[in-house]
Structures are given as structure tokens and as C-alpha cells.
Amino acid sequence: DRKEAWVLETSGKYWAAEKVEGGVRNISNQ
């Protein structure tokens, strides 16, 4: 959103999320 960003990754019903604190961040099928 305008103020924050998150990366959410899943494995089945299990998941982990990382709050993006700065810089650049990407995801790609892993």
C-alpha cells in the first residue's frame, strides 16, 4: 500500500511473511 509492503510465501497451509523495510524485493516461483 502507500505506507508498507509485505512478501507472503506459502507451502500448503503453512506460510511466512516478511515486512519489506527498504531497498528492493522480488519473488519468483521459489
PDB file of all heavy atoms in Angstrom:
ATOM      1  N   ASP A   1       0.866  -1.171   0.000  1.00  0.00           N
ATOM      2  CA  ASP A   1       0.000   0.000   0.000  1.00  0.00           C
ATOM      3  C   ASP A   1       0.907   1.227   0.000  1.00  0.00           C
ATOM      4  O   ASP A   1       2.115   1.101  -0.225  1.00  0.00           O
ATOM      5  CB  ASP A   1      -0.994  -0.020   1.174  1.00  0.00           C
ATOM      6  CG  ASP A   1      -0.336   0.011   2.553  1.00  0.00           C
ATOM      7  OD1 ASP A   1       0.768   0.582   2.695  1.00  0.00           O
ATOM      8  OD2 ASP A   1      -0.926  -0.524   3.506  1.00  0.00           O
ATOM      9  N   ARG A   2       0.376   2.383   0.262  1.00  0.00           N
ATOM     10  CA  ARG A   2       1.175   3.612   0.230  1.00  0.00           C
ATOM     11  C   ARG A   2       2.246   3.658   1.315  1.00  0.00           C
ATOM     12  O   ARG A   2       3.222   4.381   1.200  1.00  0.00           O
ATOM     13  CB  ARG A   2       0.280   4.831   0.399  1.00  0.00           C
ATOM     14  CG  ARG A   2      -0.634   5.103  -0.764  1.00  0.00           C
ATOM     15  CD  ARG A   2      -1.523   6.310  -0.410  1.00  0.00           C
ATOM     16  NE  ARG A   2      -2.567   6.537  -1.382  1.00  0.00           N
ATOM     17  CZ  ARG A   2      -2.480   7.427  -2.361  1.00  0.00           C
ATOM     18  NH1 ARG A   2      -1.402   8.148  -2.506  1.00  0.00           N
ATOM     19  NH2 ARG A   2      -3.481   7.586  -3.197  1.00  0.00           N
ATOM     20  N   LYS A   3       2.051   2.917   2.405  1.00  0.00           N
ATOM     21  CA  LYS A   3       2.938   3.054   3.558  1.00  0.00           C
ATOM     22  C   LYS A   3       3.830   1.854   3.820  1.00  0.00           C
ATOM     23  O   LYS A   3       4.854   1.982   4.472  1.00  0.00           O
ATOM     24  CB  LYS A   3       2.105   3.346   4.804  1.00  0.00           C
ATOM     25  CG  LYS A   3       1.381   4.671   4.710  1.00  0.00           C
ATOM     26  CD  LYS A   3       0.586   4.946   5.948  1.00  0.00           C
ATOM     27  CE  LYS A   3      -0.117   6.288   5.794  1.00  0.00           C
ATOM     28  NZ  LYS A   3      -1.078   6.539   6.828  1.00  0.00           N
ATOM     29  N   GLU A   4       3.418   0.658   3.371  1.00  0.00           N
ATOM     30  CA  GLU A   4       4.231  -0.516   3.677  1.00  0.00           C
ATOM     31  C   GLU A   4       4.051  -1.598   2.624  1.00  0.00           C
ATOM     32  O   GLU A   4       3.118  -1.568   1.838  1.00  0.00           O
ATOM     33  CB  GLU A   4       3.908  -1.068   5.064  1.00  0.00           C
ATOM     34  CG  GLU A   4       2.498  -1.598   5.206  1.00  0.00           C
ATOM     35  CD  GLU A   4       2.207  -2.088   6.615  1.00  0.00           C
ATOM     36  OE1 GLU A   4       2.994  -1.831   7.538  1.00  0.00           O
ATOM     37  OE2 GLU A   4       1.169  -2.730   6.786  1.00  0.00           O
ATOM     38  N   ALA A   5       4.986  -2.548   2.657  1.00  0.00           N
ATOM     39  CA  ALA A   5       4.944  -3.671   1.725  1.00  0.00           C
ATOM     40  C   ALA A   5       5.313  -4.950   2.466  1.00  0.00           C
ATOM     41  O   ALA A   5       6.109  -4.931   3.417  1.00  0.00           O
ATOM     42  CB  ALA A   5       5.900  -3.437   0.562  1.00  0.00           C
ATOM     43  N   TRP A   6       4.740  -6.050   2.018  1.00  0.00           N
ATOM     44  CA  TRP A   6       4.974  -7.369   2.599  1.00  0.00           C
ATOM     45  C   TRP A   6       5.231  -8.374   1.490  1.00  0.00           C
ATOM     46  O   TRP A   6       4.688  -8.247   0.397  1.00  0.00           O
ATOM     47  CB  TRP A   6       3.742  -7.832   3.379  1.00  0.00           C
ATOM     48  CG  TRP A   6       3.495  -7.086   4.644  1.00  0.00           C
ATOM     49  CD1 TRP A   6       2.881  -5.871   4.783  1.00  0.00           C
ATOM     50  CD2 TRP A   6       3.856  -7.505   5.959  1.00  0.00           C
ATOM     51  NE1 TRP A   6       2.844  -5.516   6.107  1.00  0.00           N
ATOM     52  CE2 TRP A   6       3.424  -6.493   6.847  1.00  0.00           C
ATOM     53  CE3 TRP A   6       4.497  -8.636   6.464  1.00  0.00           C
ATOM     54  CZ2 TRP A   6       3.621  -6.590   8.222  1.00  0.00           C
ATOM     55  CZ3 TRP A   6       4.682  -8.721   7.839  1.00  0.00           C
ATOM     56  CH2 TRP A   6       4.251  -7.713   8.698  1.00  0.00           C
ATOM     57  N   VAL A   7       6.042  -9.375   1.808  1.00  0.00           N
ATOM     58  CA  VAL A   7       6.174 -10.565   0.970  1.00  0.00           C
ATOM     59  C   VAL A   7       5.545 -11.689   1.766  1.00  0.00           C
ATOM     60  O   VAL A   7       5.865 -11.893   2.946  1.00  0.00           O
ATOM     61  CB  VAL A   7       7.656 -10.884   0.664  1.00  0.00           C
ATOM     62  CG1 VAL A   7       7.765 -12.213  -0.071  1.00  0.00           C
ATOM     63  CG2 VAL A   7       8.283  -9.768  -0.153  1.00  0.00           C
ATOM     64  N   LEU A   8       4.625 -12.403   1.146  1.00  0.00           N
ATOM     65  CA  LEU A   8       3.982 -13.568   1.755  1.00  0.00           C
ATOM     66  C   LEU A   8       4.327 -14.775   0.900  1.00  0.00           C
ATOM     67  O   LEU A   8       4.141 -14.747  -0.318  1.00  0.00           O
ATOM     68  CB  LEU A   8       2.460 -13.377   1.808  1.00  0.00           C
ATOM     69  CG  LEU A   8       1.627 -14.619   2.145  1.00  0.00           C
ATOM     70  CD1 LEU A   8       1.933 -15.125   3.558  1.00  0.00           C
ATOM     71  CD2 LEU A   8       0.145 -14.314   1.982  1.00  0.00           C
ATOM     72  N   GLU A   9       4.846 -15.824   1.540  1.00  0.00           N
ATOM     73  CA  GLU A   9       5.160 -17.060   0.814  1.00  0.00           C
ATOM     74  C   GLU A   9       4.504 -18.228   1.529  1.00  0.00           C
ATOM     75  O   GLU A   9       4.420 -18.249   2.763  1.00  0.00           O
ATOM     76  CB  GLU A   9       6.673 -17.242   0.713  1.00  0.00           C
ATOM     77  CG  GLU A   9       7.280 -16.133  -0.128  1.00  0.00           C
ATOM     78  CD  GLU A   9       8.774 -16.245  -0.324  1.00  0.00           C
ATOM     79  OE1 GLU A   9       9.462 -16.869   0.503  1.00  0.00           O
ATOM     80  OE2 GLU A   9       9.256 -15.689  -1.318  1.00  0.00           O
ATOM     81  N   THR A  10       4.035 -19.185   0.721  1.00  0.00           N
ATOM     82  CA  THR A  10       3.234 -20.273   1.261  1.00  0.00           C
ATOM     83  C   THR A  10       3.798 -21.642   0.896  1.00  0.00           C
ATOM     84  O   THR A  10       4.481 -21.803  -0.111  1.00  0.00           O
ATOM     85  CB  THR A  10       1.791 -20.180   0.738  1.00  0.00           C
ATOM     86  OG1 THR A  10       1.781 -20.441  -0.670  1.00  0.00           O
ATOM     87  CG2 THR A  10       1.192 -18.806   1.000  1.00  0.00           C
ATOM     88  N   SER A  11       3.471 -22.601   1.732  1.00  0.00           N
ATOM     89  CA  SER A  11       3.776 -24.006   1.476  1.00  0.00           C
ATOM     90  C   SER A  11       2.620 -24.798   2.072  1.00  0.00           C
ATOM     91  O   SER A  11       2.555 -24.976   3.289  1.00  0.00           O
ATOM     92  CB  SER A  11       5.106 -24.406   2.127  1.00  0.00           C
ATOM     93  OG  SER A  11       5.377 -25.776   1.890  1.00  0.00           O
ATOM     94  N   GLY A  12       1.695 -25.225   1.204  1.00  0.00           N
ATOM     95  CA  GLY A  12       0.474 -25.833   1.709  1.00  0.00           C
ATOM     96  C   GLY A  12      -0.286 -24.787   2.509  1.00  0.00           C
ATOM     97  O   GLY A  12      -0.456 -23.657   2.080  1.00  0.00           O
ATOM     98  N   LYS A  13      -0.697 -25.159   3.725  1.00  0.00           N
ATOM     99  CA  LYS A  13      -1.397 -24.180   4.570  1.00  0.00           C
ATOM    100  C   LYS A  13      -0.426 -23.358   5.419  1.00  0.00           C
ATOM    101  O   LYS A  13      -0.827 -22.430   6.105  1.00  0.00           O
ATOM    102  CB  LYS A  13      -2.419 -24.876   5.465  1.00  0.00           C
ATOM    103  CG  LYS A  13      -1.827 -25.677   6.601  1.00  0.00           C
ATOM    104  CD  LYS A  13      -2.926 -26.212   7.516  1.00  0.00           C
ATOM    105  CE  LYS A  13      -2.319 -26.829   8.766  1.00  0.00           C
ATOM    106  NZ  LYS A  13      -3.318 -27.214   9.736  1.00  0.00           N
ATOM    107  N   TYR A  14       0.842 -23.701   5.355  1.00  0.00           N
ATOM    108  CA  TYR A  14       1.852 -23.009   6.154  1.00  0.00           C
ATOM    109  C   TYR A  14       2.389 -21.814   5.384  1.00  0.00           C
ATOM    110  O   TYR A  14       2.440 -21.821   4.157  1.00  0.00           O
ATOM    111  CB  TYR A  14       2.966 -23.977   6.553  1.00  0.00           C
ATOM    112  CG  TYR A  14       2.407 -25.101   7.385  1.00  0.00           C
ATOM    113  CD1 TYR A  14       2.086 -26.316   6.800  1.00  0.00           C
ATOM    114  CD2 TYR A  14       2.139 -24.919   8.739  1.00  0.00           C
ATOM    115  CE1 TYR A  14       1.517 -27.337   7.560  1.00  0.00           C
ATOM    116  CE2 TYR A  14       1.582 -25.935   9.496  1.00  0.00           C
ATOM    117  CZ  TYR A  14       1.265 -27.139   8.904  1.00  0.00           C
ATOM    118  OH  TYR A  14       0.691 -28.125   9.645  1.00  0.00           O
ATOM    119  N   TRP A  15       2.802 -20.792   6.123  1.00  0.00           N
ATOM    120  CA  TRP A  15       3.212 -19.550   5.473  1.00  0.00           C
ATOM    121  C   TRP A  15       4.162 -18.759   6.364  1.00  0.00           C
ATOM    122  O   TRP A  15       4.210 -18.958   7.579  1.00  0.00           O
ATOM    123  CB  TRP A  15       1.993 -18.697   5.125  1.00  0.00           C
ATOM    124  CG  TRP A  15       1.118 -18.389   6.312  1.00  0.00           C
ATOM    125  CD1 TRP A  15       0.075 -19.154   6.785  1.00  0.00           C
ATOM    126  CD2 TRP A  15       1.219 -17.273   7.204  1.00  0.00           C
ATOM    127  NE1 TRP A  15      -0.478 -18.554   7.905  1.00  0.00           N
ATOM    128  CE2 TRP A  15       0.206 -17.408   8.188  1.00  0.00           C
ATOM    129  CE3 TRP A  15       2.065 -16.170   7.257  1.00  0.00           C
ATOM    130  CZ2 TRP A  15       0.018 -16.485   9.206  1.00  0.00           C
ATOM    131  CZ3 TRP A  15       1.885 -15.242   8.283  1.00  0.00           C
ATOM    132  CH2 TRP A  15       0.859 -15.403   9.239  1.00  0.00           C
ATOM    133  N   ALA A  16       4.901 -17.880   5.706  1.00  0.00           N
ATOM    134  CA  ALA A  16       5.767 -16.924   6.389  1.00  0.00           C
ATOM    135  C   ALA A  16       5.627 -15.594   5.656  1.00  0.00           C
ATOM    136  O   ALA A  16       5.421 -15.562   4.438  1.00  0.00           O
ATOM    137  CB  ALA A  16       7.219 -17.388   6.376  1.00  0.00           C
ATOM    138  N   ALA A  17       5.728 -14.496   6.413  1.00  0.00           N
ATOM    139  CA  ALA A  17       5.616 -13.167   5.822  1.00  0.00           C
ATOM    140  C   ALA A  17       6.764 -12.294   6.317  1.00  0.00           C
ATOM    141  O   ALA A  17       7.161 -12.373   7.479  1.00  0.00           O
ATOM    142  CB  ALA A  17       4.275 -12.532   6.188  1.00  0.00           C
ATOM    143  N   GLU A  18       7.275 -11.501   5.408  1.00  0.00           N
ATOM    144  CA  GLU A  18       8.369 -10.580   5.701  1.00  0.00           C
ATOM    145  C   GLU A  18       7.932  -9.161   5.369  1.00  0.00           C
ATOM    146  O   GLU A  18       7.474  -8.900   4.254  1.00  0.00           O
ATOM    147  CB  GLU A  18       9.587 -10.951   4.855  1.00  0.00           C
ATOM    148  CG  GLU A  18      10.735 -10.003   4.962  1.00  0.00           C
ATOM    149  CD  GLU A  18      11.847 -10.305   3.958  1.00  0.00           C
ATOM    150  OE1 GLU A  18      11.913 -11.428   3.434  1.00  0.00           O
ATOM    151  OE2 GLU A  18      12.639  -9.386   3.703  1.00  0.00           O
ATOM    152  N   LYS A  19       8.058  -8.264   6.321  1.00  0.00           N
ATOM    153  CA  LYS A  19       7.777  -6.859   6.059  1.00  0.00           C
ATOM    154  C   LYS A  19       9.001  -6.269   5.355  1.00  0.00           C
ATOM    155  O   LYS A  19      10.121  -6.423   5.820  1.00  0.00           O
ATOM    156  CB  LYS A  19       7.500  -6.104   7.356  1.00  0.00           C
ATOM    157  CG  LYS A  19       7.046  -4.686   7.133  1.00  0.00           C
ATOM    158  CD  LYS A  19       6.635  -4.026   8.434  1.00  0.00           C
ATOM    159  CE  LYS A  19       6.125  -2.622   8.165  1.00  0.00           C
ATOM    160  NZ  LYS A  19       5.697  -1.968   9.402  1.00  0.00           N
ATOM    161  N   VAL A  20       8.768  -5.628   4.226  1.00  0.00           N
ATOM    162  CA  VAL A  20       9.856  -5.028   3.460  1.00  0.00           C
ATOM    163  C   VAL A  20      10.203  -3.705   4.130  1.00  0.00           C
ATOM    164  O   VAL A  20       9.358  -2.824   4.246  1.00  0.00           O
ATOM    165  CB  VAL A  20       9.454  -4.823   1.982  1.00  0.00           C
ATOM    166  CG1 VAL A  20      10.580  -4.169   1.203  1.00  0.00           C
ATOM    167  CG2 VAL A  20       9.040  -6.149   1.354  1.00  0.00           C
ATOM    168  N   GLU A  21      11.441  -3.585   4.561  1.00  0.00           N
ATOM    169  CA  GLU A  21      11.868  -2.405   5.317  1.00  0.00           C
ATOM    170  C   GLU A  21      12.580  -1.373   4.455  1.00  0.00           C
ATOM    171  O   GLU A  21      12.878  -0.287   4.919  1.00  0.00           O
ATOM    172  CB  GLU A  21      12.780  -2.830   6.473  1.00  0.00           C
ATOM    173  CG  GLU A  21      12.142  -3.798   7.453  1.00  0.00           C
ATOM    174  CD  GLU A  21      11.007  -3.192   8.283  1.00  0.00           C
ATOM    175  OE1 GLU A  21      10.859  -1.960   8.322  1.00  0.00           O
ATOM    176  OE2 GLU A  21      10.259  -3.976   8.894  1.00  0.00           O
ATOM    177  N   GLY A  22      12.883  -1.692   3.219  1.00  0.00           N
ATOM    178  CA  GLY A  22      13.567  -0.754   2.339  1.00  0.00           C
ATOM    179  C   GLY A  22      14.270  -1.498   1.224  1.00  0.00           C
ATOM    180  O   GLY A  22      14.241  -2.722   1.164  1.00  0.00           O
ATOM    181  N   GLY A  23      14.869  -0.758   0.342  1.00  0.00           N
ATOM    182  CA  GLY A  23      15.598  -1.375  -0.764  1.00  0.00           C
ATOM    183  C   GLY A  23      14.649  -1.938  -1.803  1.00  0.00           C
ATOM    184  O   GLY A  23      13.572  -1.397  -2.030  1.00  0.00           O
ATOM    185  N   VAL A  24      15.049  -3.017  -2.426  1.00  0.00           N
ATOM    186  CA  VAL A  24      14.223  -3.672  -3.436  1.00  0.00           C
ATOM    187  C   VAL A  24      13.945  -5.103  -2.984  1.00  0.00           C
ATOM    188  O   VAL A  24      14.714  -5.689  -2.224  1.00  0.00           O
ATOM    189  CB  VAL A  24      14.894  -3.673  -4.833  1.00  0.00           C
ATOM    190  CG1 VAL A  24      15.077  -2.265  -5.341  1.00  0.00           C
ATOM    191  CG2 VAL A  24      16.217  -4.406  -4.815  1.00  0.00           C
ATOM    192  N   ARG A  25      12.852  -5.663  -3.478  1.00  0.00           N
ATOM    193  CA  ARG A  25      12.468  -7.034  -3.111  1.00  0.00           C
ATOM    194  C   ARG A  25      11.716  -7.636  -4.273  1.00  0.00           C
ATOM    195  O   ARG A  25      10.932  -6.960  -4.924  1.00  0.00           O
ATOM    196  CB  ARG A  25      11.585  -6.965  -1.861  1.00  0.00           C
ATOM    197  CG  ARG A  25      11.307  -8.292  -1.211  1.00  0.00           C
ATOM    198  CD  ARG A  25      12.592  -8.919  -0.648  1.00  0.00           C
ATOM    199  NE  ARG A  25      12.284 -10.044   0.214  1.00  0.00           N
ATOM    200  CZ  ARG A  25      11.958 -11.255  -0.230  1.00  0.00           C
ATOM    201  NH1 ARG A  25      11.920 -11.507  -1.522  1.00  0.00           N
ATOM    202  NH2 ARG A  25      11.680 -12.218   0.616  1.00  0.00           N
ATOM    203  N   ASN A  26      11.960  -8.904  -4.551  1.00  0.00           N
ATOM    204  CA  ASN A  26      11.252  -9.584  -5.626  1.00  0.00           C
ATOM    205  C   ASN A  26      10.887 -11.000  -5.206  1.00  0.00           C
ATOM    206  O   ASN A  26      11.393 -11.511  -4.203  1.00  0.00           O
ATOM    207  CB  ASN A  26      12.063  -9.582  -6.923  1.00  0.00           C
ATOM    208  CG  ASN A  26      13.362 -10.357  -6.827  1.00  0.00           C
ATOM    209  OD1 ASN A  26      14.075 -10.265  -5.838  1.00  0.00           O
ATOM    210  ND2 ASN A  26      13.683 -11.111  -7.857  1.00  0.00           N
ATOM    211  N   ILE A  27       9.995 -11.612  -5.971  1.00  0.00           N
ATOM    212  CA  ILE A  27       9.607 -13.009  -5.779  1.00  0.00           C
ATOM    213  C   ILE A  27       9.626 -13.676  -7.144  1.00  0.00           C
ATOM    214  O   ILE A  27       9.499 -13.003  -8.167  1.00  0.00           O
ATOM    215  CB  ILE A  27       8.203 -13.145  -5.138  1.00  0.00           C
ATOM    216  CG1 ILE A  27       7.129 -12.457  -5.989  1.00  0.00           C
ATOM    217  CG2 ILE A  27       8.206 -12.592  -3.715  1.00  0.00           C
ATOM    218  CD1 ILE A  27       5.711 -12.677  -5.510  1.00  0.00           C
ATOM    219  N   SER A  28       9.776 -15.008  -7.158  1.00  0.00           N
ATOM    220  CA  SER A  28       9.739 -15.708  -8.437  1.00  0.00           C
ATOM    221  C   SER A  28       9.770 -17.213  -8.235  1.00  0.00           C
ATOM    222  O   SER A  28      10.828 -17.822  -8.200  1.00  0.00           O
ATOM    223  CB  SER A  28      10.918 -15.279  -9.322  1.00  0.00           C
ATOM    224  OG  SER A  28      10.817 -15.909 -10.575  1.00  0.00           O
ATOM    225  N   ASN A  29       8.618 -17.805  -8.129  1.00  0.00           N
ATOM    226  CA  ASN A  29       8.449 -19.258  -8.143  1.00  0.00           C
ATOM    227  C   ASN A  29       9.421 -20.039  -7.256  1.00  0.00           C
ATOM    228  O   ASN A  29       9.790 -21.163  -7.597  1.00  0.00           O
ATOM    229  CB  ASN A  29       8.531 -19.807  -9.573  1.00  0.00           C
ATOM    230  CG  ASN A  29       7.454 -19.233 -10.443  1.00  0.00           C
ATOM    231  OD1 ASN A  29       7.690 -18.246 -11.118  1.00  0.00           O
ATOM    232  ND2 ASN A  29       6.276 -19.808 -10.422  1.00  0.00           N
ATOM    233  N   GLN A  30       9.846 -19.470  -6.187  1.00  0.00           N
ATOM    234  CA  GLN A  30      10.646 -20.194  -5.207  1.00  0.00           C
ATOM    235  C   GLN A  30      10.528 -19.432  -3.903  1.00  0.00           C
ATOM    236  O   GLN A  30      10.212 -18.246  -3.904  1.00  0.00           O
ATOM    237  CB  GLN A  30      12.108 -20.298  -5.636  1.00  0.00           C
ATOM    238  CG  GLN A  30      12.839 -18.966  -5.661  1.00  0.00           C
ATOM    239  CD  GLN A  30      14.231 -19.095  -6.237  1.00  0.00           C
ATOM    240  OE1 GLN A  30      14.425 -19.700  -7.274  1.00  0.00           O
ATOM    241  NE2 GLN A  30      15.205 -18.518  -5.554  1.00  0.00           N
TER     242      GLN A  30
END
